[in-house]
Amino acid sequence: MTETFGWVIRTYGQKAVCHREDGSEIGRGMAIVRPMTELTWQMTAGALGSSWTDRYLGLAEPELPVDQIGLGGWLSWGGENYEIMSAQSIRVGDKITHLWLALRPAGEIAP
């Protein structure tokens, strides 16, 4: 069952690349990025603070090194660059099955 998450991300996802602020690549993996629904945004808004014009939900392989991006870094996916606003490891039992990411376009300025 826990392998199903990885299969879905590898099958329906695209290559994602993590970059530090200086542009250096720190790792690659597969991810799925989609616009957040209003309900998803309401559930995450408290953790993220203020509201942004574009919000995206990302599901990624647990090996994607999003925790190493640091301030000013970004995630490239599907020809776009995203800032990671929040990242959570999702566990099923004792295994991390995937990462849940809240994203916004890189360089976006708060309203």
Protein backbone atom coordinates (compact mmCIF):
# COMPACT_ATOMS: atom_id res chain seq x y z
CA MET A 1 0.00 0.00 0.00
CA THR A 2 2.69 2.53 0.95
CA GLU A 3 4.39 2.06 -2.44
CA THR A 4 1.25 3.37 -4.15
CA PHE A 5 2.11 7.00 -3.31
CA GLY A 6 5.50 6.70 -5.01
CA TRP A 7 3.97 4.97 -8.02
CA VAL A 8 1.43 7.77 -8.49
CA ILE A 9 4.09 10.50 -8.23
CA ARG A 10 6.48 8.71 -10.62
CA THR A 11 3.69 7.90 -13.10
CA TYR A 12 1.85 11.22 -13.18
CA GLY A 13 4.55 13.62 -12.00
CA GLN A 14 7.36 15.50 -13.67
CA LYS A 15 11.01 16.07 -12.78
CA ALA A 16 11.51 18.65 -10.01
CA VAL A 17 14.85 20.33 -9.31
CA CYS A 18 15.83 21.97 -6.00
CA HIS A 19 18.08 25.07 -6.16
CA ARG A 20 19.87 27.11 -3.52
CA GLU A 21 19.78 30.91 -3.60
CA ASP A 22 22.99 31.01 -5.68
CA GLY A 23 21.31 28.85 -8.34
CA SER A 24 23.28 25.70 -7.61
CA GLU A 25 21.34 22.46 -8.01
CA ILE A 26 21.09 20.36 -4.87
CA GLY A 27 18.88 17.51 -6.02
CA ARG A 28 16.20 16.13 -8.30
CA GLY A 29 13.12 14.00 -7.91
CA MET A 30 9.61 13.54 -9.17
CA ALA A 31 6.70 15.75 -8.09
CA ILE A 32 3.14 16.69 -8.98
CA VAL A 33 2.19 20.38 -8.74
CA ARG A 34 -1.40 21.60 -9.04
CA PRO A 35 -3.24 24.79 -8.09
CA MET A 36 -4.63 24.65 -4.55
CA THR A 37 -8.36 24.51 -4.10
CA GLU A 38 -10.03 27.08 -1.86
CA LEU A 39 -10.57 24.41 0.81
CA THR A 40 -6.90 23.39 0.80
CA TRP A 41 -5.88 27.04 1.05
CA GLN A 42 -8.18 27.60 4.03
CA MET A 43 -6.62 24.64 5.84
CA THR A 44 -3.06 25.96 5.27
CA ALA A 45 -3.60 29.73 5.48
CA GLY A 46 -3.02 29.91 9.22
CA ALA A 47 0.35 28.19 8.89
CA LEU A 48 1.39 30.27 5.91
CA GLY A 49 0.34 33.68 7.22
CA SER A 50 -1.03 36.12 4.66
CA SER A 51 -2.78 35.29 1.44
CA TRP A 52 -0.98 35.10 -1.91
CA THR A 53 -2.38 35.53 -5.40
CA ASP A 54 -1.27 32.08 -6.60
CA ARG A 55 -1.02 29.02 -4.40
CA TYR A 56 0.00 25.53 -5.39
CA LEU A 57 -0.04 22.10 -3.80
CA GLY A 58 2.91 19.81 -4.44
CA LEU A 59 3.22 16.10 -3.79
CA ALA A 60 6.79 14.83 -4.10
CA GLU A 61 8.96 11.80 -3.57
CA PRO A 62 10.37 11.81 -0.03
CA GLU A 63 13.95 11.88 -1.37
CA LEU A 64 13.50 15.34 -2.95
CA PRO A 65 15.82 17.55 -0.80
CA VAL A 66 13.40 20.45 -0.17
CA ASP A 67 14.75 20.79 3.39
CA GLN A 68 18.15 21.83 1.97
CA ILE A 69 16.92 24.66 -0.28
CA GLY A 70 17.22 27.38 2.34
CA LEU A 71 16.14 31.01 2.24
CA GLY A 72 16.05 32.39 -1.30
CA GLY A 73 16.14 28.95 -2.94
CA TRP A 74 13.47 27.53 -5.20
CA LEU A 75 11.97 24.43 -6.76
CA SER A 76 11.79 24.18 -10.57
CA TRP A 77 8.93 22.12 -11.99
CA GLY A 78 7.16 22.16 -15.35
CA GLY A 79 9.11 25.19 -16.60
CA GLU A 80 8.14 27.30 -13.56
CA ASN A 81 9.98 28.22 -10.36
CA TYR A 82 8.30 27.97 -6.95
CA GLU A 83 9.16 29.08 -3.44
CA ILE A 84 8.36 26.49 -0.80
CA MET A 85 6.14 28.04 1.84
CA SER A 86 5.63 24.86 3.84
CA ALA A 87 6.77 21.25 3.58
CA GLN A 88 5.61 18.21 5.53
CA SER A 89 6.69 14.61 5.44
CA ILE A 90 3.63 12.37 5.26
CA ARG A 91 3.87 9.06 7.10
CA VAL A 92 1.88 5.91 6.75
CA GLY A 93 2.83 3.74 9.69
CA ASP A 94 6.56 4.12 10.18
CA LYS A 95 7.35 4.97 6.54
CA ILE A 96 7.50 8.42 4.92
CA THR A 97 5.46 7.91 1.74
CA HIS A 98 5.67 11.41 0.21
CA LEU A 99 6.14 15.11 0.84
CA TRP A 100 3.26 17.59 0.98
CA LEU A 101 4.31 21.06 -0.22
CA ALA A 102 2.60 24.45 -0.18
CA LEU A 103 4.13 26.54 -2.98
CA ARG A 104 3.92 29.98 -4.54
CA PRO A 105 5.59 31.37 -7.65
CA ALA A 106 9.20 32.31 -6.88
CA GLY A 107 9.74 36.04 -6.51
CA GLU A 108 6.07 36.82 -5.83
CA ILE A 109 5.58 39.88 -3.63
CA ALA A 110 2.96 39.90 -0.89
CA PRO A 111 -0.13 42.03 -1.63
